[in-house]
Amino acid sequence: MTDVTVPFRAGHEGYAVFRIPAVVATGAGTLLAFCGGRVTPARPTPPGAP
């Protein structure tokens, strides 16, 4: 059986959005999840913007 959790949810924990999530497994098999949180939402990127 696999447990599923959502560690980063927009609008929770004082952050409007979370960006660039990552998960890393240690040599011992522990999973570490991290990302950047933003208090204010990012502006939408216009189509075709670099």
N, C-alpha and C. Protein backbone atom coordinates (compact mmCIF):
# COMPACT_ATOMS: atom_id res chain seq x y z
N MET A 1 0.84 -1.18 0.00
CA MET A 1 0.00 0.00 0.00
C MET A 1 0.89 1.24 0.00
N THR A 2 0.44 2.25 -0.72
CA THR A 2 1.18 3.51 -0.80
C THR A 2 0.36 4.62 -0.18
N ASP A 3 0.98 5.36 0.73
CA ASP A 3 0.32 6.52 1.33
C ASP A 3 0.57 7.73 0.45
N VAL A 4 -0.46 8.53 0.27
CA VAL A 4 -0.35 9.75 -0.54
C VAL A 4 -0.63 10.95 0.36
N THR A 5 0.25 11.94 0.31
CA THR A 5 0.04 13.18 1.04
C THR A 5 0.31 14.36 0.11
N VAL A 6 -0.24 15.50 0.46
CA VAL A 6 0.00 16.72 -0.30
C VAL A 6 0.74 17.68 0.63
N PRO A 7 2.06 17.73 0.54
CA PRO A 7 2.83 18.54 1.49
C PRO A 7 2.74 20.05 1.25
N PHE A 8 2.44 20.46 0.02
CA PHE A 8 2.40 21.89 -0.30
C PHE A 8 1.08 22.19 -0.98
N ARG A 9 0.25 23.00 -0.33
CA ARG A 9 -1.07 23.32 -0.87
C ARG A 9 -1.24 24.84 -0.89
N ALA A 10 -1.49 25.40 -2.06
CA ALA A 10 -1.65 26.85 -2.21
C ALA A 10 -2.72 27.36 -1.26
N GLY A 11 -2.42 28.50 -0.62
CA GLY A 11 -3.36 29.11 0.30
C GLY A 11 -3.27 28.59 1.73
N HIS A 12 -2.34 27.69 1.99
CA HIS A 12 -2.17 27.12 3.33
C HIS A 12 -0.81 27.51 3.90
N GLU A 13 -0.69 27.44 5.19
CA GLU A 13 0.57 27.71 5.89
C GLU A 13 1.09 29.13 5.67
N GLY A 14 0.20 30.06 5.29
CA GLY A 14 0.60 31.45 5.12
C GLY A 14 1.19 31.79 3.76
N TYR A 15 1.15 30.84 2.81
CA TYR A 15 1.70 31.08 1.47
C TYR A 15 0.60 31.02 0.43
N ALA A 16 0.63 31.98 -0.51
CA ALA A 16 -0.36 32.00 -1.59
C ALA A 16 -0.06 30.91 -2.62
N VAL A 17 1.23 30.74 -2.92
CA VAL A 17 1.64 29.74 -3.92
C VAL A 17 2.94 29.08 -3.49
N PHE A 18 3.17 27.89 -4.00
CA PHE A 18 4.43 27.18 -3.82
C PHE A 18 5.01 26.94 -5.21
N ARG A 19 6.33 27.10 -5.33
CA ARG A 19 6.98 26.97 -6.64
C ARG A 19 8.15 26.00 -6.57
N ILE A 20 8.39 25.39 -7.69
CA ILE A 20 9.54 24.53 -7.94
C ILE A 20 9.69 23.46 -6.84
N PRO A 21 8.70 22.59 -6.70
CA PRO A 21 8.80 21.52 -5.70
C PRO A 21 9.85 20.48 -6.12
N ALA A 22 10.44 19.84 -5.13
CA ALA A 22 11.42 18.79 -5.40
C ALA A 22 11.32 17.72 -4.32
N VAL A 23 11.66 16.50 -4.69
CA VAL A 23 11.71 15.39 -3.74
C VAL A 23 13.05 14.68 -3.95
N VAL A 24 13.73 14.41 -2.85
CA VAL A 24 15.04 13.75 -2.90
C VAL A 24 15.00 12.56 -1.95
N ALA A 25 15.54 11.44 -2.38
CA ALA A 25 15.64 10.26 -1.52
C ALA A 25 17.06 10.18 -0.97
N THR A 26 17.16 10.00 0.35
CA THR A 26 18.48 9.83 0.97
C THR A 26 18.95 8.40 0.78
N GLY A 27 20.19 8.13 1.10
CA GLY A 27 20.73 6.78 1.02
C GLY A 27 20.00 5.80 1.92
N ALA A 28 19.41 6.32 3.01
CA ALA A 28 18.66 5.46 3.94
C ALA A 28 17.21 5.26 3.50
N GLY A 29 16.83 5.90 2.38
CA GLY A 29 15.47 5.72 1.88
C GLY A 29 14.47 6.76 2.37
N THR A 30 14.92 7.74 3.13
CA THR A 30 14.04 8.80 3.61
C THR A 30 13.77 9.77 2.46
N LEU A 31 12.52 10.19 2.30
CA LEU A 31 12.18 11.16 1.27
C LEU A 31 12.13 12.55 1.88
N LEU A 32 12.80 13.50 1.24
CA LEU A 32 12.79 14.90 1.66
C LEU A 32 12.08 15.71 0.58
N ALA A 33 11.04 16.45 0.95
CA ALA A 33 10.30 17.27 -0.01
C ALA A 33 10.48 18.73 0.37
N PHE A 34 10.74 19.57 -0.61
CA PHE A 34 10.90 20.99 -0.33
C PHE A 34 10.52 21.80 -1.57
N CYS A 35 10.27 23.09 -1.35
CA CYS A 35 9.93 24.00 -2.44
C CYS A 35 10.03 25.43 -1.92
N GLY A 36 9.86 26.38 -2.82
CA GLY A 36 9.84 27.79 -2.44
C GLY A 36 8.40 28.23 -2.25
N GLY A 37 8.12 28.95 -1.18
CA GLY A 37 6.78 29.46 -0.94
C GLY A 37 6.75 30.97 -1.14
N ARG A 38 5.66 31.46 -1.72
CA ARG A 38 5.49 32.91 -1.92
C ARG A 38 4.25 33.37 -1.18
N VAL A 39 4.41 34.44 -0.43
CA VAL A 39 3.29 34.98 0.33
C VAL A 39 2.27 35.62 -0.60
N THR A 40 2.75 36.31 -1.64
CA THR A 40 1.84 36.90 -2.62
C THR A 40 1.94 36.11 -3.92
N PRO A 41 0.84 35.98 -4.64
CA PRO A 41 0.89 35.19 -5.88
C PRO A 41 1.76 35.87 -6.93
N ALA A 42 2.38 35.05 -7.75
CA ALA A 42 3.21 35.57 -8.83
C ALA A 42 2.31 36.12 -9.93
N ARG A 43 2.82 37.10 -10.64
CA ARG A 43 2.06 37.64 -11.78
C ARG A 43 2.04 36.59 -12.88
N PRO A 44 0.94 36.50 -13.61
CA PRO A 44 0.91 35.56 -14.73
C PRO A 44 1.94 35.93 -15.79
N THR A 45 2.54 34.94 -16.39
CA THR A 45 3.52 35.17 -17.44
C THR A 45 2.77 35.28 -18.78
N PRO A 46 3.01 36.37 -19.51
CA PRO A 46 2.34 36.51 -20.81
C PRO A 46 2.76 35.41 -21.77
N PRO A 47 1.87 34.97 -22.65
CA PRO A 47 2.25 33.96 -23.64
C PRO A 47 3.43 34.43 -24.49
N GLY A 48 4.39 33.55 -24.70
CA GLY A 48 5.54 33.88 -25.53
C GLY A 48 6.65 34.61 -24.79
N ALA A 49 6.47 34.88 -23.48
CA ALA A 49 7.52 35.57 -22.71
C ALA A 49 8.68 34.62 -22.46
N PRO A 50 9.90 35.15 -22.45
CA PRO A 50 11.07 34.28 -22.20
C PRO A 50 11.12 33.79 -20.77
